[in-house]
């Protein structure tokens, strides 16, 4: 067991859309990521995702509506729901996801990450 300083961990991240693992519990990972710009529409058929905004303002686009999430707020996207994160300015996120969560869900493209290769910081 050890204490984790979220801001210190975020200071180690110098790129976007590349989550880092900072903890694991009960078959889930706690990931930190910095994002900027638009991500691809995708969904996760068998898992929910929780987005906690540490810094900035995240938009979650569900095609029929956009939900704004501000610093200190979180949103849970339930399994099977098509969505895409948008960050008009850099956003720092903490995510709670299953250990096998693939960042692009049901699609594969140039930003799809192998969950076995995610860096632990």
C-alpha atoms as a PDB file:
ATOM      1  CA  UNK A   1       0.000   0.000   0.000  1.00  0.00           C
ATOM      2  CA  UNK A   2       1.244   3.463  -0.810  1.00  0.00           C
ATOM      3  CA  UNK A   3       0.006   6.994  -1.076  1.00  0.00           C
ATOM      4  CA  UNK A   4      -0.333   8.452  -4.595  1.00  0.00           C
ATOM      5  CA  UNK A   5      -0.101  12.162  -5.365  1.00  0.00           C
ATOM      6  CA  UNK A   6      -2.278  12.729  -8.434  1.00  0.00           C
ATOM      7  CA  UNK A   7      -0.688  16.062  -9.414  1.00  0.00           C
ATOM      8  CA  UNK A   8       2.841  14.629  -9.188  1.00  0.00           C
ATOM      9  CA  UNK A   9       1.807  11.745 -11.430  1.00  0.00           C
ATOM     10  CA  UNK A  10       0.143  14.087 -13.932  1.00  0.00           C
ATOM     11  CA  UNK A  11       3.349  16.157 -14.072  1.00  0.00           C
ATOM     12  CA  UNK A  12       5.105  13.040 -15.410  1.00  0.00           C
ATOM     13  CA  UNK A  13       2.779  12.933 -18.431  1.00  0.00           C
ATOM     14  CA  UNK A  14       3.908  15.036 -21.399  1.00  0.00           C
ATOM     15  CA  UNK A  15       1.706  13.689 -24.189  1.00  0.00           C
ATOM     16  CA  UNK A  16      -1.979  13.325 -25.013  1.00  0.00           C
ATOM     17  CA  UNK A  17      -4.343  10.351 -25.318  1.00  0.00           C
ATOM     18  CA  UNK A  18      -1.795   8.002 -23.716  1.00  0.00           C
ATOM     19  CA  UNK A  19      -3.181   6.855 -20.336  1.00  0.00           C
ATOM     20  CA  UNK A  20      -0.887   5.719 -17.528  1.00  0.00           C
ATOM     21  CA  UNK A  21      -1.829   3.240 -14.819  1.00  0.00           C
ATOM     22  CA  UNK A  22      -1.485   4.636 -11.280  1.00  0.00           C
ATOM     23  CA  UNK A  23      -3.370   1.970  -9.342  1.00  0.00           C
ATOM     24  CA  UNK A  24      -5.401  -1.224  -9.517  1.00  0.00           C
ATOM     25  CA  UNK A  25      -8.205  -2.597  -7.376  1.00  0.00           C
ATOM     26  CA  UNK A  26     -10.882  -5.250  -7.720  1.00  0.00           C
ATOM     27  CA  UNK A  27     -10.197  -5.942 -11.401  1.00  0.00           C
ATOM     28  CA  UNK A  28     -10.100  -2.255 -12.290  1.00  0.00           C
ATOM     29  CA  UNK A  29      -7.388   0.216 -13.159  1.00  0.00           C
ATOM     30  CA  UNK A  30      -7.053   3.839 -12.178  1.00  0.00           C
ATOM     31  CA  UNK A  31      -5.588   5.649 -15.156  1.00  0.00           C
ATOM     32  CA  UNK A  32      -4.382   9.216 -15.566  1.00  0.00           C
ATOM     33  CA  UNK A  33      -4.329  10.858 -18.971  1.00  0.00           C
ATOM     34  CA  UNK A  34      -4.004  14.271 -20.562  1.00  0.00           C
ATOM     35  CA  UNK A  35      -6.177  14.901 -23.594  1.00  0.00           C
ATOM     36  CA  UNK A  36      -6.463  17.604 -26.225  1.00  0.00           C
ATOM     37  CA  UNK A  37      -8.723  17.696 -29.269  1.00  0.00           C
ATOM     38  CA  UNK A  38     -11.374  15.218 -30.387  1.00  0.00           C
ATOM     39  CA  UNK A  39     -11.288  11.451 -29.956  1.00  0.00           C
ATOM     40  CA  UNK A  40     -13.089   8.907 -32.143  1.00  0.00           C
ATOM     41  CA  UNK A  41     -16.689   7.878 -31.475  1.00  0.00           C
ATOM     42  CA  UNK A  42     -16.629   4.469 -29.804  1.00  0.00           C
ATOM     43  CA  UNK A  43     -18.372   2.297 -27.239  1.00  0.00           C
ATOM     44  CA  UNK A  44     -17.442  -0.394 -24.765  1.00  0.00           C
ATOM     45  CA  UNK A  45     -19.843  -3.311 -25.076  1.00  0.00           C
ATOM     46  CA  UNK A  46     -19.186  -4.901 -21.682  1.00  0.00           C
ATOM     47  CA  UNK A  47     -17.824  -2.205 -19.393  1.00  0.00           C
ATOM     48  CA  UNK A  48     -18.572   1.181 -17.922  1.00  0.00           C
ATOM     49  CA  UNK A  49     -16.007   4.027 -17.870  1.00  0.00           C
ATOM     50  CA  UNK A  50     -15.702   6.752 -15.265  1.00  0.00           C
ATOM     51  CA  UNK A  51     -14.165  10.098 -16.220  1.00  0.00           C
ATOM     52  CA  UNK A  52     -13.093  12.366 -13.319  1.00  0.00           C
ATOM     53  CA  UNK A  53     -11.892  15.802 -14.430  1.00  0.00           C
ATOM     54  CA  UNK A  54      -8.867  16.950 -12.443  1.00  0.00           C
ATOM     55  CA  UNK A  55      -8.125  20.014 -14.584  1.00  0.00           C
ATOM     56  CA  UNK A  56      -9.952  21.659 -17.475  1.00  0.00           C
ATOM     57  CA  UNK A  57     -13.350  21.098 -19.031  1.00  0.00           C
ATOM     58  CA  UNK A  58     -14.256  17.823 -20.730  1.00  0.00           C
ATOM     59  CA  UNK A  59     -17.052  17.466 -23.248  1.00  0.00           C
ATOM     60  CA  UNK A  60     -18.579  14.042 -23.787  1.00  0.00           C
ATOM     61  CA  UNK A  61     -20.330  13.918 -27.149  1.00  0.00           C
ATOM     62  CA  UNK A  62     -23.156  11.368 -27.414  1.00  0.00           C
ATOM     63  CA  UNK A  63     -24.237  12.482 -30.941  1.00  0.00           C
ATOM     64  CA  UNK A  64     -27.658  13.574 -29.643  1.00  0.00           C
ATOM     65  CA  UNK A  65     -26.238  15.690 -26.782  1.00  0.00           C
ATOM     66  CA  UNK A  66     -22.996  16.978 -25.317  1.00  0.00           C
ATOM     67  CA  UNK A  67     -22.353  16.798 -21.584  1.00  0.00           C
ATOM     68  CA  UNK A  68     -19.879  19.291 -20.078  1.00  0.00           C
ATOM     69  CA  UNK A  69     -17.847  17.999 -17.129  1.00  0.00           C
ATOM     70  CA  UNK A  70     -15.865  20.558 -15.132  1.00  0.00           C
ATOM     71  CA  UNK A  71     -13.007  20.253 -12.659  1.00  0.00           C
ATOM     72  CA  UNK A  72     -13.995  18.159  -9.656  1.00  0.00           C
ATOM     73  CA  UNK A  73     -16.886  16.489 -11.498  1.00  0.00           C
ATOM     74  CA  UNK A  74     -17.159  12.977 -12.883  1.00  0.00           C
ATOM     75  CA  UNK A  75     -19.355  11.167 -15.354  1.00  0.00           C
ATOM     76  CA  UNK A  76     -19.924   7.449 -15.867  1.00  0.00           C
ATOM     77  CA  UNK A  77     -20.487   6.316 -19.434  1.00  0.00           C
ATOM     78  CA  UNK A  78     -22.415   3.064 -19.216  1.00  0.00           C
ATOM     79  CA  UNK A  79     -21.527   0.066 -21.338  1.00  0.00           C
ATOM     80  CA  UNK A  80     -22.796   0.032 -24.882  1.00  0.00           C
ATOM     81  CA  UNK A  81     -23.196   3.830 -25.160  1.00  0.00           C
ATOM     82  CA  UNK A  82     -21.569   5.508 -28.179  1.00  0.00           C
ATOM     83  CA  UNK A  83     -19.452   8.487 -27.089  1.00  0.00           C
ATOM     84  CA  UNK A  84     -16.373  10.573 -27.810  1.00  0.00           C
ATOM     85  CA  UNK A  85     -14.373  12.773 -25.463  1.00  0.00           C
ATOM     86  CA  UNK A  86     -13.563  16.305 -26.615  1.00  0.00           C
ATOM     87  CA  UNK A  87     -11.059  18.718 -25.050  1.00  0.00           C
ATOM     88  CA  UNK A  88     -10.973  22.188 -26.605  1.00  0.00           C
ATOM     89  CA  UNK A  89      -8.067  22.923 -24.235  1.00  0.00           C
ATOM     90  CA  UNK A  90      -5.883  20.422 -22.407  1.00  0.00           C
ATOM     91  CA  UNK A  91      -7.818  18.326 -19.879  1.00  0.00           C
ATOM     92  CA  UNK A  92      -6.331  16.184 -17.106  1.00  0.00           C
ATOM     93  CA  UNK A  93      -8.428  13.104 -16.349  1.00  0.00           C
ATOM     94  CA  UNK A  94      -8.534  10.264 -13.889  1.00  0.00           C
ATOM     95  CA  UNK A  95     -10.347   7.254 -15.288  1.00  0.00           C
ATOM     96  CA  UNK A  96     -11.697   4.156 -13.565  1.00  0.00           C
ATOM     97  CA  UNK A  97     -11.928   1.268 -16.028  1.00  0.00           C
ATOM     98  CA  UNK A  98     -11.651  -2.505 -16.133  1.00  0.00           C
ATOM     99  CA  UNK A  99      -8.140  -3.973 -16.465  1.00  0.00           C
ATOM    100  CA  UNK A 100      -8.818  -5.001 -20.070  1.00  0.00           C
ATOM    101  CA  UNK A 101     -10.419  -1.700 -21.165  1.00  0.00           C
ATOM    102  CA  UNK A 102      -9.266  -0.747 -24.658  1.00  0.00           C
ATOM    103  CA  UNK A 103      -9.182   3.023 -25.083  1.00  0.00           C
ATOM    104  CA  UNK A 104     -10.977   2.963 -28.451  1.00  0.00           C
ATOM    105  CA  UNK A 105     -13.567   0.382 -27.399  1.00  0.00           C
ATOM    106  CA  UNK A 106     -15.193  -1.317 -30.356  1.00  0.00           C
ATOM    107  CA  UNK A 107     -13.010   0.303 -33.034  1.00  0.00           C
ATOM    108  CA  UNK A 108      -9.357  -0.087 -33.941  1.00  0.00           C
ATOM    109  CA  UNK A 109      -7.402   2.842 -35.343  1.00  0.00           C
ATOM    110  CA  UNK A 110      -4.041   4.620 -35.071  1.00  0.00           C
ATOM    111  CA  UNK A 111      -4.649   5.624 -31.430  1.00  0.00           C
ATOM    112  CA  UNK A 112      -5.739   2.180 -30.187  1.00  0.00           C
ATOM    113  CA  UNK A 113      -3.463   1.142 -27.313  1.00  0.00           C
ATOM    114  CA  UNK A 114      -2.534  -2.375 -26.232  1.00  0.00           C
ATOM    115  CA  UNK A 115      -3.713  -2.574 -22.615  1.00  0.00           C
ATOM    116  CA  UNK A 116      -0.804  -4.905 -21.797  1.00  0.00           C
ATOM    117  CA  UNK A 117       1.677  -2.211 -22.783  1.00  0.00           C
ATOM    118  CA  UNK A 118       0.250   0.718 -20.797  1.00  0.00           C
ATOM    119  CA  UNK A 119       2.929   2.360 -18.680  1.00  0.00           C
ATOM    120  CA  UNK A 120       2.643   2.301 -14.898  1.00  0.00           C
ATOM    121  CA  UNK A 121       3.802   5.456 -13.159  1.00  0.00           C
END
